[in-house]
Structures are given as structure tokens and as C-alpha cells.
Amino acid sequence: MPKYRVQLKQGKRTVVEHIEAKSVDAVINFYNTLTTMKLTEILKIEFQDTTTPPIDDYNYQSLFKGFVKNSDTRQVKQIILHNVKPTVDEDAIYSACIANLEINGTNIDSVTATLFKD
């Protein structure tokens, strides 16, 4: 059975749960039947690593912030990366963004306003 990440909201409270169900319709039916919280998001989990995470050796740059942009559509999205490898520089991030990311189905052609935090 597929695994889903579900977000529920009521008032100021937001709850994120993981559930294994037969389908998206089954998830909707399950929560609408059993809870007063509003189901606001269902994400299908395509990849899940259950191995033990590495120990924290603090050998990284703690934060990278920047903006990726498509000039044709003039769309911009913020990108935040945590625990950036010490060997990674702005050029590597730029190349990875161009190769792997999109904004609403359009290619990224620039990364601007970059900030590294140690």
C-alpha cells in the first residue's frame, strides 16, 4: 500500500501525520469520517530512508539562502539549504539548481541573492 504524508489543520494548530492507505480517496474518507480537523494536504511518499542518520560532526555550513529565477516568466522562488557540505560553493549550487529544479514547469536560468551562514 502507498504511504502518504497528511497535513491537518484546525484553528492555529497544524498536525502532520504519516499513514499507509489504499488510495488518496481512502485517506480523505478516513480523516473526514474520524476527525474534525480539516485535511489540507496529502503527499504521496515516493522515497523514504529508514537508516540511521549520520552523527552531527558540525563539518558543514549551516545555511544557504538564495533565489532561483526564470527570466522569461519572471517567476522567482526562494531556496533554503541546511547543512551544506563544506566543499560546495555557489557555482556548485547554481549548477545543481539549473540541472534539477523548476518553477511551475519552467527551467531555472539564474540564482541570485546568495547567503551562506556558518
PDB file of N, CA and C in Angstrom:
ATOM      1  N   MET A   1       0.832  -1.185   0.000  1.00  0.00           N
ATOM      2  CA  MET A   1       0.000   0.000   0.000  1.00  0.00           C
ATOM      3  C   MET A   1       0.876   1.247   0.000  1.00  0.00           C
ATOM      4  N   PRO A   2       0.442   2.302  -0.679  1.00  0.00           N
ATOM      5  CA  PRO A   2       1.214   3.550  -0.701  1.00  0.00           C
ATOM      6  C   PRO A   2       1.233   4.239   0.664  1.00  0.00           C
ATOM      7  N   LYS A   3       2.322   4.968   0.907  1.00  0.00           N
ATOM      8  CA  LYS A   3       2.450   5.748   2.132  1.00  0.00           C
ATOM      9  C   LYS A   3       2.207   7.221   1.798  1.00  0.00           C
ATOM     10  N   TYR A   4       1.524   7.919   2.704  1.00  0.00           N
ATOM     11  CA  TYR A   4       1.172   9.318   2.480  1.00  0.00           C
ATOM     12  C   TYR A   4       1.598  10.170   3.678  1.00  0.00           C
ATOM     13  N   ARG A   5       1.917  11.430   3.381  1.00  0.00           N
ATOM     14  CA  ARG A   5       2.162  12.450   4.404  1.00  0.00           C
ATOM     15  C   ARG A   5       0.947  13.357   4.359  1.00  0.00           C
ATOM     16  N   VAL A   6       0.258  13.489   5.480  1.00  0.00           N
ATOM     17  CA  VAL A   6      -1.018  14.195   5.547  1.00  0.00           C
ATOM     18  C   VAL A   6      -0.885  15.396   6.474  1.00  0.00           C
ATOM     19  N   GLN A   7      -1.436  16.533   6.057  1.00  0.00           N
ATOM     20  CA  GLN A   7      -1.454  17.733   6.897  1.00  0.00           C
ATOM     21  C   GLN A   7      -2.892  18.062   7.250  1.00  0.00           C
ATOM     22  N   LEU A   8      -3.121  18.245   8.545  1.00  0.00           N
ATOM     23  CA  LEU A   8      -4.448  18.578   9.064  1.00  0.00           C
ATOM     24  C   LEU A   8      -4.371  19.889   9.823  1.00  0.00           C
ATOM     25  N   LYS A   9      -5.438  20.710   9.732  1.00  0.00           N
ATOM     26  CA  LYS A   9      -5.456  21.998  10.432  1.00  0.00           C
ATOM     27  C   LYS A   9      -6.787  22.208  11.120  1.00  0.00           C
ATOM     28  N   GLN A  10      -6.704  22.858  12.284  1.00  0.00           N
ATOM     29  CA  GLN A  10      -7.897  23.347  12.973  1.00  0.00           C
ATOM     30  C   GLN A  10      -7.460  24.494  13.870  1.00  0.00           C
ATOM     31  N   GLY A  11      -8.041  25.663  13.671  1.00  0.00           N
ATOM     32  CA  GLY A  11      -7.632  26.846  14.414  1.00  0.00           C
ATOM     33  C   GLY A  11      -6.178  27.177  14.073  1.00  0.00           C
ATOM     34  N   LYS A  12      -5.371  27.397  15.099  1.00  0.00           N
ATOM     35  CA  LYS A  12      -3.953  27.698  14.898  1.00  0.00           C
ATOM     36  C   LYS A  12      -3.087  26.444  14.848  1.00  0.00           C
ATOM     37  N   ARG A  13      -3.678  25.296  15.084  1.00  0.00           N
ATOM     38  CA  ARG A  13      -2.922  24.055  15.197  1.00  0.00           C
ATOM     39  C   ARG A  13      -2.797  23.353  13.846  1.00  0.00           C
ATOM     40  N   THR A  14      -1.579  22.925  13.513  1.00  0.00           N
ATOM     41  CA  THR A  14      -1.311  22.146  12.320  1.00  0.00           C
ATOM     42  C   THR A  14      -0.644  20.842  12.739  1.00  0.00           C
ATOM     43  N   VAL A  15      -1.142  19.742  12.213  1.00  0.00           N
ATOM     44  CA  VAL A  15      -0.619  18.421  12.536  1.00  0.00           C
ATOM     45  C   VAL A  15      -0.206  17.739  11.238  1.00  0.00           C
ATOM     46  N   VAL A  16       0.984  17.131  11.248  1.00  0.00           N
ATOM     47  CA  VAL A  16       1.452  16.353  10.109  1.00  0.00           C
ATOM     48  C   VAL A  16       1.551  14.900  10.550  1.00  0.00           C
ATOM     49  N   GLU A  17       0.910  14.024   9.793  1.00  0.00           N
ATOM     50  CA  GLU A  17       0.909  12.604  10.111  1.00  0.00           C
ATOM     51  C   GLU A  17       1.321  11.796   8.893  1.00  0.00           C
ATOM     52  N   HIS A  18       1.826  10.607   9.150  1.00  0.00           N
ATOM     53  CA  HIS A  18       2.162   9.664   8.089  1.00  0.00           C
ATOM     54  C   HIS A  18       1.199   8.491   8.195  1.00  0.00           C
ATOM     55  N   ILE A  19       0.669   8.053   7.052  1.00  0.00           N
ATOM     56  CA  ILE A  19      -0.326   6.985   7.045  1.00  0.00           C
ATOM     57  C   ILE A  19      -0.118   6.121   5.810  1.00  0.00           C
ATOM     58  N   GLU A  20      -0.438   4.848   5.950  1.00  0.00           N
ATOM     59  CA  GLU A  20      -0.411   3.930   4.821  1.00  0.00           C
ATOM     60  C   GLU A  20      -1.857   3.593   4.487  1.00  0.00           C
ATOM     61  N   ALA A  21      -2.274   3.858   3.256  1.00  0.00           N
ATOM     62  CA  ALA A  21      -3.674   3.673   2.872  1.00  0.00           C
ATOM     63  C   ALA A  21      -3.765   3.137   1.451  1.00  0.00           C
ATOM     64  N   LYS A  22      -4.968   2.729   1.075  1.00  0.00           N
ATOM     65  CA  LYS A  22      -5.178   2.135  -0.246  1.00  0.00           C
ATOM     66  C   LYS A  22      -5.088   3.150  -1.373  1.00  0.00           C
ATOM     67  N   SER A  23      -5.538   4.393  -1.106  1.00  0.00           N
ATOM     68  CA  SER A  23      -5.546   5.420  -2.145  1.00  0.00           C
ATOM     69  C   SER A  23      -5.725   6.784  -1.496  1.00  0.00           C
ATOM     70  N   VAL A  24      -5.639   7.836  -2.307  1.00  0.00           N
ATOM     71  CA  VAL A  24      -5.884   9.193  -1.812  1.00  0.00           C
ATOM     72  C   VAL A  24      -7.332   9.323  -1.356  1.00  0.00           C
ATOM     73  N   ASP A  25      -8.255   8.747  -2.112  1.00  0.00           N
ATOM     74  CA  ASP A  25      -9.664   8.788  -1.711  1.00  0.00           C
ATOM     75  C   ASP A  25      -9.884   8.097  -0.368  1.00  0.00           C
ATOM     76  N   ALA A  26      -9.133   7.018  -0.121  1.00  0.00           N
ATOM     77  CA  ALA A  26      -9.252   6.319   1.161  1.00  0.00           C
ATOM     78  C   ALA A  26      -8.739   7.193   2.306  1.00  0.00           C
ATOM     79  N   VAL A  27      -7.671   7.953   2.064  1.00  0.00           N
ATOM     80  CA  VAL A  27      -7.142   8.868   3.083  1.00  0.00           C
ATOM     81  C   VAL A  27      -8.176   9.948   3.393  1.00  0.00           C
ATOM     82  N   ILE A  28      -8.743  10.537   2.364  1.00  0.00           N
ATOM     83  CA  ILE A  28      -9.759  11.586   2.541  1.00  0.00           C
ATOM     84  C   ILE A  28     -10.949  11.040   3.323  1.00  0.00           C
ATOM     85  N   ASN A  29     -11.429   9.883   2.923  1.00  0.00           N
ATOM     86  CA  ASN A  29     -12.570   9.275   3.605  1.00  0.00           C
ATOM     87  C   ASN A  29     -12.242   8.971   5.064  1.00  0.00           C
ATOM     88  N   PHE A  30     -11.044   8.445   5.322  1.00  0.00           N
ATOM     89  CA  PHE A  30     -10.619   8.097   6.673  1.00  0.00           C
ATOM     90  C   PHE A  30     -10.656   9.309   7.597  1.00  0.00           C
ATOM     91  N   TYR A  31     -10.001  10.408   7.187  1.00  0.00           N
ATOM     92  CA  TYR A  31      -9.922  11.583   8.053  1.00  0.00           C
ATOM     93  C   TYR A  31     -11.244  12.340   8.132  1.00  0.00           C
ATOM     94  N   ASN A  32     -12.002  12.406   7.049  1.00  0.00           N
ATOM     95  CA  ASN A  32     -13.306  13.078   7.099  1.00  0.00           C
ATOM     96  C   ASN A  32     -14.292  12.334   7.990  1.00  0.00           C
ATOM     97  N   THR A  33     -14.148  11.024   8.085  1.00  0.00           N
ATOM     98  CA  THR A  33     -15.028  10.216   8.931  1.00  0.00           C
ATOM     99  C   THR A  33     -14.671  10.341  10.406  1.00  0.00           C
ATOM    100  N   LEU A  34     -13.367  10.471  10.722  1.00  0.00           N
ATOM    101  CA  LEU A  34     -12.922  10.329  12.097  1.00  0.00           C
ATOM    102  C   LEU A  34     -12.491  11.602  12.820  1.00  0.00           C
ATOM    103  N   THR A  35     -12.245  12.691  12.126  1.00  0.00           N
ATOM    104  CA  THR A  35     -11.702  13.868  12.802  1.00  0.00           C
ATOM    105  C   THR A  35     -12.414  15.142  12.380  1.00  0.00           C
ATOM    106  N   THR A  36     -12.378  16.133  13.276  1.00  0.00           N
ATOM    107  CA  THR A  36     -12.962  17.439  12.961  1.00  0.00           C
ATOM    108  C   THR A  36     -11.951  18.354  12.271  1.00  0.00           C
ATOM    109  N   MET A  37     -10.682  17.946  12.264  1.00  0.00           N
ATOM    110  CA  MET A  37      -9.653  18.774  11.633  1.00  0.00           C
ATOM    111  C   MET A  37      -9.844  18.761  10.120  1.00  0.00           C
ATOM    112  N   LYS A  38      -9.466  19.878   9.479  1.00  0.00           N
ATOM    113  CA  LYS A  38      -9.587  19.985   8.031  1.00  0.00           C
ATOM    114  C   LYS A  38      -8.355  19.391   7.374  1.00  0.00           C
ATOM    115  N   LEU A  39      -8.559  18.491   6.448  1.00  0.00           N
ATOM    116  CA  LEU A  39      -7.478  17.884   5.685  1.00  0.00           C
ATOM    117  C   LEU A  39      -7.030  18.884   4.628  1.00  0.00           C
ATOM    118  N   THR A  40      -5.801  19.397   4.744  1.00  0.00           N
ATOM    119  CA  THR A  40      -5.349  20.454   3.847  1.00  0.00           C
ATOM    120  C   THR A  40      -4.318  20.004   2.829  1.00  0.00           C
ATOM    121  N   GLU A  41      -3.689  18.836   3.060  1.00  0.00           N
ATOM    122  CA  GLU A  41      -2.638  18.421   2.130  1.00  0.00           C
ATOM    123  C   GLU A  41      -2.410  16.923   2.249  1.00  0.00           C
ATOM    124  N   ILE A  42      -2.265  16.260   1.095  1.00  0.00           N
ATOM    125  CA  ILE A  42      -1.898  14.843   1.055  1.00  0.00           C
ATOM    126  C   ILE A  42      -0.744  14.709   0.072  1.00  0.00           C
ATOM    127  N   LEU A  43       0.362  14.187   0.554  1.00  0.00           N
ATOM    128  CA  LEU A  43       1.520  13.967  -0.302  1.00  0.00           C
ATOM    129  C   LEU A  43       1.855  12.485  -0.319  1.00  0.00           C
ATOM    130  N   LYS A  44       2.091  11.937  -1.493  1.00  0.00           N
ATOM    131  CA  LYS A  44       2.497  10.541  -1.590  1.00  0.00           C
ATOM    132  C   LYS A  44       3.998  10.469  -1.373  1.00  0.00           C
ATOM    133  N   ILE A  45       4.413   9.590  -0.494  1.00  0.00           N
ATOM    134  CA  ILE A  45       5.839   9.434  -0.209  1.00  0.00           C
ATOM    135  C   ILE A  45       6.427   8.508  -1.261  1.00  0.00           C
ATOM    136  N   GLU A  46       7.310   9.057  -2.074  1.00  0.00           N
ATOM    137  CA  GLU A  46       7.956   8.296  -3.137  1.00  0.00           C
ATOM    138  C   GLU A  46       9.271   7.684  -2.673  1.00  0.00           C
ATOM    139  N   PHE A  47       9.906   8.283  -1.669  1.00  0.00           N
ATOM    140  CA  PHE A  47      11.190   7.800  -1.173  1.00  0.00           C
ATOM    141  C   PHE A  47      11.233   8.009   0.323  1.00  0.00           C
ATOM    142  N   GLN A  48      11.703   6.986   1.040  1.00  0.00           N
ATOM    143  CA  GLN A  48      11.838   7.097   2.485  1.00  0.00           C
ATOM    144  C   GLN A  48      13.055   6.289   2.908  1.00  0.00           C
ATOM    145  N   ASP A  49      13.998   6.943   3.549  1.00  0.00           N
ATOM    146  CA  ASP A  49      15.207   6.283   4.031  1.00  0.00           C
ATOM    147  C   ASP A  49      15.053   6.048   5.522  1.00  0.00           C
ATOM    148  N   THR A  50      15.055   4.794   5.914  1.00  0.00           N
ATOM    149  CA  THR A  50      14.854   4.460   7.319  1.00  0.00           C
ATOM    150  C   THR A  50      16.156   4.094   8.032  1.00  0.00           C
ATOM    151  N   THR A  51      17.301   4.300   7.373  1.00  0.00           N
ATOM    152  CA  THR A  51      18.575   4.011   8.029  1.00  0.00           C
ATOM    153  C   THR A  51      18.895   5.113   9.025  1.00  0.00           C
ATOM    154  N   THR A  52      19.834   4.854   9.899  1.00  0.00           N
ATOM    155  CA  THR A  52      20.227   5.813  10.923  1.00  0.00           C
ATOM    156  C   THR A  52      20.931   7.008  10.286  1.00  0.00           C
ATOM    157  N   PRO A  53      20.541   8.238  10.650  1.00  0.00           N
ATOM    158  CA  PRO A  53      21.208   9.414  10.082  1.00  0.00           C
ATOM    159  C   PRO A  53      22.626   9.532  10.621  1.00  0.00           C
ATOM    160  N   PRO A  54      23.501  10.253   9.896  1.00  0.00           N
ATOM    161  CA  PRO A  54      24.885  10.393  10.362  1.00  0.00           C
ATOM    162  C   PRO A  54      24.965  11.221  11.639  1.00  0.00           C
ATOM    163  N   ILE A  55      26.035  10.998  12.397  1.00  0.00           N
ATOM    164  CA  ILE A  55      26.241  11.792  13.609  1.00  0.00           C
ATOM    165  C   ILE A  55      26.530  13.233  13.207  1.00  0.00           C
ATOM    166  N   ASP A  56      26.269  14.148  14.114  1.00  0.00           N
ATOM    167  CA  ASP A  56      26.486  15.566  13.817  1.00  0.00           C
ATOM    168  C   ASP A  56      27.916  15.940  14.179  1.00  0.00           C
ATOM    169  N   ASP A  57      28.759  16.062  13.150  1.00  0.00           N
ATOM    170  CA  ASP A  57      30.155  16.423  13.378  1.00  0.00           C
ATOM    171  C   ASP A  57      30.401  17.922  13.158  1.00  0.00           C
ATOM    172  N   TYR A  58      29.360  18.666  12.856  1.00  0.00           N
ATOM    173  CA  TYR A  58      29.412  20.125  12.637  1.00  0.00           C
ATOM    174  C   TYR A  58      30.378  20.511  11.516  1.00  0.00           C
ATOM    175  N   ASN A  59      30.615  19.602  10.588  1.00  0.00           N
ATOM    176  CA  ASN A  59      31.504  19.868   9.465  1.00  0.00           C
ATOM    177  C   ASN A  59      30.654  20.272   8.255  1.00  0.00           C
ATOM    178  N   TYR A  60      30.028  21.449   8.354  1.00  0.00           N
ATOM    179  CA  TYR A  60      29.176  21.950   7.292  1.00  0.00           C
ATOM    180  C   TYR A  60      28.935  23.439   7.497  1.00  0.00           C
ATOM    181  N   GLN A  61      28.429  24.066   6.439  1.00  0.00           N
ATOM    182  CA  GLN A  61      27.949  25.438   6.552  1.00  0.00           C
ATOM    183  C   GLN A  61      26.467  25.322   6.878  1.00  0.00           C
ATOM    184  N   SER A  62      26.036  25.951   7.948  1.00  0.00           N
ATOM    185  CA  SER A  62      24.712  25.662   8.494  1.00  0.00           C
ATOM    186  C   SER A  62      23.550  26.069   7.600  1.00  0.00           C
ATOM    187  N   LEU A  63      23.717  27.087   6.739  1.00  0.00           N
ATOM    188  CA  LEU A  63      22.568  27.562   5.976  1.00  0.00           C
ATOM    189  C   LEU A  63      23.000  28.232   4.683  1.00  0.00           C
ATOM    190  N   PHE A  64      22.225  27.991   3.630  1.00  0.00           N
ATOM    191  CA  PHE A  64      22.360  28.712   2.365  1.00  0.00           C
ATOM    192  C   PHE A  64      20.982  29.221   1.995  1.00  0.00           C
ATOM    193  N   LYS A  65      20.888  30.498   1.642  1.00  0.00           N
ATOM    194  CA  LYS A  65      19.638  31.074   1.141  1.00  0.00           C
ATOM    195  C   LYS A  65      19.919  31.747  -0.192  1.00  0.00           C
ATOM    196  N   GLY A  66      18.993  31.609  -1.093  1.00  0.00           N
ATOM    197  CA  GLY A  66      19.114  32.264  -2.390  1.00  0.00           C
ATOM    198  C   GLY A  66      17.767  32.267  -3.089  1.00  0.00           C
ATOM    199  N   PHE A  67      17.729  32.864  -4.266  1.00  0.00           N
ATOM    200  CA  PHE A  67      16.520  32.906  -5.061  1.00  0.00           C
ATOM    201  C   PHE A  67      16.820  32.329  -6.432  1.00  0.00           C
ATOM    202  N   VAL A  68      15.976  31.398  -6.881  1.00  0.00           N
ATOM    203  CA  VAL A  68      16.084  30.871  -8.233  1.00  0.00           C
ATOM    204  C   VAL A  68      15.041  31.581  -9.085  1.00  0.00           C
ATOM    205  N   LYS A  69      15.394  31.822 -10.356  1.00  0.00           N
ATOM    206  CA  LYS A  69      14.534  32.666 -11.191  1.00  0.00           C
ATOM    207  C   LYS A  69      14.449  32.132 -12.601  1.00  0.00           C
ATOM    208  N   ASN A  70      13.281  32.326 -13.229  1.00  0.00           N
ATOM    209  CA  ASN A  70      13.104  32.140 -14.655  1.00  0.00           C
ATOM    210  C   ASN A  70      12.826  33.511 -15.237  1.00  0.00           C
ATOM    211  N   SER A  71      13.719  33.989 -16.081  1.00  0.00           N
ATOM    212  CA  SER A  71      13.607  35.349 -16.621  1.00  0.00           C
ATOM    213  C   SER A  71      12.451  35.510 -17.596  1.00  0.00           C
ATOM    214  N   ASP A  72      12.126  34.465 -18.355  1.00  0.00           N
ATOM    215  CA  ASP A  72      11.051  34.568 -19.337  1.00  0.00           C
ATOM    216  C   ASP A  72       9.696  34.815 -18.671  1.00  0.00           C
ATOM    217  N   THR A  73       9.403  34.066 -17.614  1.00  0.00           N
ATOM    218  CA  THR A  73       8.120  34.207 -16.927  1.00  0.00           C
ATOM    219  C   THR A  73       8.201  35.152 -15.735  1.00  0.00           C
ATOM    220  N   ARG A  74       9.419  35.573 -15.401  1.00  0.00           N
ATOM    221  CA  ARG A  74       9.687  36.466 -14.277  1.00  0.00           C
ATOM    222  C   ARG A  74       9.213  35.878 -12.950  1.00  0.00           C
ATOM    223  N   GLN A  75       9.285  34.564 -12.831  1.00  0.00           N
ATOM    224  CA  GLN A  75       8.915  33.892 -11.590  1.00  0.00           C
ATOM    225  C   GLN A  75      10.164  33.648 -10.751  1.00  0.00           C
ATOM    226  N   VAL A  76      10.007  33.816  -9.438  1.00  0.00           N
ATOM    227  CA  VAL A  76      11.122  33.667  -8.501  1.00  0.00           C
ATOM    228  C   VAL A  76      10.655  32.809  -7.327  1.00  0.00           C
ATOM    229  N   LYS A  77      11.528  31.919  -6.864  1.00  0.00           N
ATOM    230  CA  LYS A  77      11.255  31.109  -5.672  1.00  0.00           C
ATOM    231  C   LYS A  77      12.482  31.149  -4.774  1.00  0.00           C
ATOM    232  N   GLN A  78      12.255  31.172  -3.484  1.00  0.00           N
ATOM    233  CA  GLN A  78      13.354  31.125  -2.531  1.00  0.00           C
ATOM    234  C   GLN A  78      13.795  29.680  -2.354  1.00  0.00           C
ATOM    235  N   ILE A  79      15.105  29.488  -2.224  1.00  0.00           N
ATOM    236  CA  ILE A  79      15.644  28.165  -1.939  1.00  0.00           C
ATOM    237  C   ILE A  79      16.457  28.257  -0.650  1.00  0.00           C
ATOM    238  N   ILE A  80      16.228  27.304   0.244  1.00  0.00           N
ATOM    239  CA  ILE A  80      16.955  27.246   1.511  1.00  0.00           C
ATOM    240  C   ILE A  80      17.560  25.854   1.623  1.00  0.00           C
ATOM    241  N   LEU A  81      18.855  25.787   1.874  1.00  0.00           N
ATOM    242  CA  LEU A  81      19.554  24.519   2.080  1.00  0.00           C
ATOM    243  C   LEU A  81      20.182  24.534   3.462  1.00  0.00           C
ATOM    244  N   HIS A  82      20.021  23.442   4.189  1.00  0.00           N
ATOM    245  CA  HIS A  82      20.595  23.314   5.522  1.00  0.00           C
ATOM    246  C   HIS A  82      21.776  22.350   5.481  1.00  0.00           C
ATOM    247  N   ASN A  83      22.772  22.601   6.324  1.00  0.00           N
ATOM    248  CA  ASN A  83      23.939  21.730   6.479  1.00  0.00           C
ATOM    249  C   ASN A  83      24.621  21.450   5.138  1.00  0.00           C
ATOM    250  N   VAL A  84      25.045  22.515   4.480  1.00  0.00           N
ATOM    251  CA  VAL A  84      25.678  22.424   3.174  1.00  0.00           C
ATOM    252  C   VAL A  84      27.100  21.890   3.340  1.00  0.00           C
ATOM    253  N   LYS A  85      27.466  20.933   2.487  1.00  0.00           N
ATOM    254  CA  LYS A  85      28.794  20.337   2.546  1.00  0.00           C
ATOM    255  C   LYS A  85      29.859  21.429   2.425  1.00  0.00           C
ATOM    256  N   PRO A  86      30.975  21.307   3.150  1.00  0.00           N
ATOM    257  CA  PRO A  86      31.999  22.358   3.116  1.00  0.00           C
ATOM    258  C   PRO A  86      32.678  22.487   1.752  1.00  0.00           C
ATOM    259  N   THR A  87      32.610  21.468   0.925  1.00  0.00           N
ATOM    260  CA  THR A  87      33.234  21.524  -0.399  1.00  0.00           C
ATOM    261  C   THR A  87      32.331  22.164  -1.452  1.00  0.00           C
ATOM    262  N   VAL A  88      31.087  22.468  -1.092  1.00  0.00           N
ATOM    263  CA  VAL A  88      30.130  23.039  -2.033  1.00  0.00           C
ATOM    264  C   VAL A  88      30.238  24.557  -2.014  1.00  0.00           C
ATOM    265  N   ASP A  89      30.340  25.149  -3.212  1.00  0.00           N
ATOM    266  CA  ASP A  89      30.387  26.610  -3.321  1.00  0.00           C
ATOM    267  C   ASP A  89      29.176  27.089  -4.124  1.00  0.00           C
ATOM    268  N   GLU A  90      29.108  28.383  -4.379  1.00  0.00           N
ATOM    269  CA  GLU A  90      27.967  28.960  -5.094  1.00  0.00           C
ATOM    270  C   GLU A  90      27.831  28.406  -6.504  1.00  0.00           C
ATOM    271  N   ASP A  91      28.953  28.136  -7.164  1.00  0.00           N
ATOM    272  CA  ASP A  91      28.898  27.593  -8.520  1.00  0.00           C
ATOM    273  C   ASP A  91      28.276  26.198  -8.539  1.00  0.00           C
ATOM    274  N   ALA A  92      28.594  25.371  -7.558  1.00  0.00           N
ATOM    275  CA  ALA A  92      28.023  24.025  -7.479  1.00  0.00           C
ATOM    276  C   ALA A  92      26.522  24.094  -7.214  1.00  0.00           C
ATOM    277  N   ILE A  93      26.111  25.002  -6.355  1.00  0.00           N
ATOM    278  CA  ILE A  93      24.680  25.175  -6.074  1.00  0.00           C
ATOM    279  C   ILE A  93      23.959  25.669  -7.324  1.00  0.00           C
ATOM    280  N   TYR A  94      24.553  26.628  -8.022  1.00  0.00           N
ATOM    281  CA  TYR A  94      23.987  27.145  -9.268  1.00  0.00           C
ATOM    282  C   TYR A  94      23.794  26.013 -10.274  1.00  0.00           C
ATOM    283  N   SER A  95      24.823  25.198 -10.467  1.00  0.00           N
ATOM    284  CA  SER A  95      24.746  24.090 -11.424  1.00  0.00           C
ATOM    285  C   SER A  95      23.674  23.075 -11.028  1.00  0.00           C
ATOM    286  N   ALA A  96      23.594  22.758  -9.739  1.00  0.00           N
ATOM    287  CA  ALA A  96      22.593  21.799  -9.269  1.00  0.00           C
ATOM    288  C   ALA A  96      21.181  22.352  -9.453  1.00  0.00           C
ATOM    289  N   CYS A  97      20.996  23.642  -9.198  1.00  0.00           N
ATOM    290  CA  CYS A  97      19.672  24.258  -9.382  1.00  0.00           C
ATOM    291  C   CYS A  97      19.254  24.230 -10.845  1.00  0.00           C
ATOM    292  N   ILE A  98      20.169  24.594 -11.742  1.00  0.00           N
ATOM    293  CA  ILE A  98      19.871  24.606 -13.178  1.00  0.00           C
ATOM    294  C   ILE A  98      19.519  23.201 -13.661  1.00  0.00           C
ATOM    295  N   ALA A  99      20.259  22.194 -13.184  1.00  0.00           N
ATOM    296  CA  ALA A  99      20.075  20.818 -13.651  1.00  0.00           C
ATOM    297  C   ALA A  99      18.840  20.136 -13.065  1.00  0.00           C
ATOM    298  N   ASN A 100      18.435  20.505 -11.850  1.00  0.00           N
ATOM    299  CA  ASN A 100      17.434  19.706 -11.146  1.00  0.00           C
ATOM    300  C   ASN A 100      16.127  20.402 -10.786  1.00  0.00           C
ATOM    301  N   LEU A 101      16.078  21.710 -10.763  1.00  0.00           N
ATOM    302  CA  LEU A 101      14.894  22.406 -10.261  1.00  0.00           C
ATOM    303  C   LEU A 101      14.108  23.088 -11.372  1.00  0.00           C
ATOM    304  N   GLU A 102      12.838  23.338 -11.087  1.00  0.00           N
ATOM    305  CA  GLU A 102      11.945  24.073 -11.983  1.00  0.00           C
ATOM    306  C   GLU A 102      11.068  24.999 -11.159  1.00  0.00           C
ATOM    307  N   ILE A 103      10.484  25.984 -11.824  1.00  0.00           N
ATOM    308  CA  ILE A 103       9.463  26.839 -11.217  1.00  0.00           C
ATOM    309  C   ILE A 103       8.227  26.721 -12.094  1.00  0.00           C
ATOM    310  N   ASN A 104       7.187  26.101 -11.572  1.00  0.00           N
ATOM    311  CA  ASN A 104       5.931  25.895 -12.302  1.00  0.00           C
ATOM    312  C   ASN A 104       6.153  25.345 -13.708  1.00  0.00           C
ATOM    313  N   GLY A 105       7.038  24.359 -13.828  1.00  0.00           N
ATOM    314  CA  GLY A 105       7.284  23.697 -15.104  1.00  0.00           C
ATOM    315  C   GLY A 105       8.244  24.420 -16.025  1.00  0.00           C
ATOM    316  N   THR A 106       8.821  25.545 -15.594  1.00  0.00           N
ATOM    317  CA  THR A 106       9.785  26.265 -16.430  1.00  0.00           C
ATOM    318  C   THR A 106      11.187  26.123 -15.844  1.00  0.00           C
ATOM    319  N   ASN A 107      12.175  26.153 -16.713  1.00  0.00           N
ATOM    320  CA  ASN A 107      13.560  25.984 -16.294  1.00  0.00           C
ATOM    321  C   ASN A 107      14.066  27.186 -15.513  1.00  0.00           C
ATOM    322  N   ILE A 108      15.050  26.928 -14.684  1.00  0.00           N
ATOM    323  CA  ILE A 108      15.685  27.993 -13.915  1.00  0.00           C
ATOM    324  C   ILE A 108      16.880  28.503 -14.702  1.00  0.00           C
ATOM    325  N   ASP A 109      17.017  29.828 -14.785  1.00  0.00           N
ATOM    326  CA  ASP A 109      18.158  30.359 -15.518  1.00  0.00           C
ATOM    327  C   ASP A 109      19.080  31.230 -14.675  1.00  0.00           C
ATOM    328  N   SER A 110      18.708  31.492 -13.409  1.00  0.00           N
ATOM    329  CA  SER A 110      19.625  32.242 -12.557  1.00  0.00           C
ATOM    330  C   SER A 110      19.368  31.957 -11.086  1.00  0.00           C
ATOM    331  N   VAL A 111      20.429  32.127 -10.303  1.00  0.00           N
ATOM    332  CA  VAL A 111      20.351  32.029  -8.847  1.00  0.00           C
ATOM    333  C   VAL A 111      20.941  33.325  -8.321  1.00  0.00           C
ATOM    334  N   THR A 112      20.172  34.062  -7.500  1.00  0.00           N
ATOM    335  CA  THR A 112      20.623  35.377  -7.049  1.00  0.00           C
ATOM    336  C   THR A 112      20.501  35.524  -5.543  1.00  0.00           C
ATOM    337  N   ALA A 113      21.064  36.592  -5.024  1.00  0.00           N
ATOM    338  CA  ALA A 113      20.968  36.983  -3.615  1.00  0.00           C
ATOM    339  C   ALA A 113      21.367  35.825  -2.707  1.00  0.00           C
ATOM    340  N   THR A 114      22.563  35.292  -2.938  1.00  0.00           N
ATOM    341  CA  THR A 114      23.001  34.140  -2.160  1.00  0.00           C
ATOM    342  C   THR A 114      23.589  34.564  -0.825  1.00  0.00           C
ATOM    343  N   LEU A 115      23.366  33.726   0.192  1.00  0.00           N
ATOM    344  CA  LEU A 115      23.843  33.974   1.538  1.00  0.00           C
ATOM    345  C   LEU A 115      24.256  32.652   2.155  1.00  0.00           C
ATOM    346  N   PHE A 116      25.486  32.574   2.641  1.00  0.00           N
ATOM    347  CA  PHE A 116      25.941  31.430   3.417  1.00  0.00           C
ATOM    348  C   PHE A 116      26.040  31.855   4.866  1.00  0.00           C
ATOM    349  N   LYS A 117      25.607  30.980   5.774  1.00  0.00           N
ATOM    350  CA  LYS A 117      25.744  31.229   7.205  1.00  0.00           C
ATOM    351  C   LYS A 117      26.588  30.100   7.786  1.00  0.00           C
ATOM    352  N   ASP A 118      27.617  30.467   8.520  1.00  0.00           N
ATOM    353  CA  ASP A 118      28.475  29.454   9.161  1.00  0.00           C
ATOM    354  C   ASP A 118      27.910  29.002  10.467  1.00  0.00           C
TER     355      ASP A 118
END
